[in-house]
Amino acid sequence: MTIHNKPEGVRLTPEQEKSRRQRNVAIGVAIALFVALVYVVTIAKLGPAVLVRPL
């Protein structure tokens, strides 16, 4: 039976962790803005008639 030592992985410095967090927040904001843009363009292309429902 062999014992496998588990690798410790990469240890980030506090500066690297802060940089990673800022980058993740920026990516999240960019995705949210893109989704909002697609929504607005879709509603604009459909026009106000999309709210009119036949009885």
Protein backbone atom coordinates (compact mmCIF):
# COMPACT_ATOMS: atom_id res chain seq x y z
CA MET A 1 0.00 0.00 0.00
CA THR A 2 1.44 3.35 -1.00
CA ILE A 3 0.72 6.64 0.69
CA HIS A 4 0.18 9.57 -1.64
CA ASN A 5 1.18 12.96 -0.35
CA LYS A 6 -1.44 15.53 -1.22
CA PRO A 7 0.08 18.54 -3.02
CA GLU A 8 -0.38 21.81 -1.17
CA GLY A 9 -1.20 23.81 -4.30
CA VAL A 10 -0.42 27.42 -5.04
CA ARG A 11 -0.28 29.92 -2.20
CA LEU A 12 -1.24 33.43 -3.25
CA THR A 13 0.07 36.56 -1.63
CA PRO A 14 -2.50 38.98 -0.20
CA GLU A 15 -1.84 41.30 -3.16
CA GLN A 16 -2.58 38.49 -5.61
CA GLU A 17 -5.76 37.54 -3.75
CA LYS A 18 -6.93 41.17 -3.85
CA SER A 19 -6.11 41.39 -7.56
CA ARG A 20 -8.01 38.16 -8.25
CA ARG A 21 -11.04 39.40 -6.31
CA GLN A 22 -11.06 42.72 -8.19
CA ARG A 23 -10.77 40.91 -11.51
CA ASN A 24 -13.66 38.59 -10.59
CA VAL A 25 -15.84 41.54 -9.59
CA ALA A 26 -15.00 43.33 -12.86
CA ILE A 27 -15.91 40.24 -14.89
CA GLY A 28 -19.18 39.89 -12.96
CA VAL A 29 -20.10 43.52 -13.58
CA ALA A 30 -19.24 43.20 -17.28
CA ILE A 31 -21.45 40.11 -17.63
CA ALA A 32 -24.33 41.84 -15.81
CA LEU A 33 -24.03 44.88 -18.07
CA PHE A 34 -23.98 42.66 -21.17
CA VAL A 35 -27.13 40.83 -20.02
CA ALA A 36 -28.85 44.16 -19.33
CA LEU A 37 -27.82 45.45 -22.77
CA VAL A 38 -29.22 42.35 -24.51
CA TYR A 39 -32.47 42.72 -22.53
CA VAL A 40 -32.86 46.40 -23.44
CA VAL A 41 -32.10 45.79 -27.13
CA THR A 42 -34.60 42.91 -27.22
CA ILE A 43 -37.35 45.03 -25.66
CA ALA A 44 -36.52 47.92 -28.00
CA LYS A 45 -36.75 45.67 -31.07
CA LEU A 46 -40.06 44.16 -29.93
CA GLY A 47 -41.50 47.61 -29.34
CA PRO A 48 -44.35 48.70 -27.10
CA ALA A 49 -46.80 46.33 -28.84
CA VAL A 50 -45.35 43.46 -26.80
CA LEU A 51 -47.34 44.73 -23.80
CA VAL A 52 -50.66 44.70 -25.71
CA ARG A 53 -52.45 41.41 -25.10
CA PRO A 54 -55.57 40.33 -26.98
CA LEU A 55 -58.61 39.81 -24.79
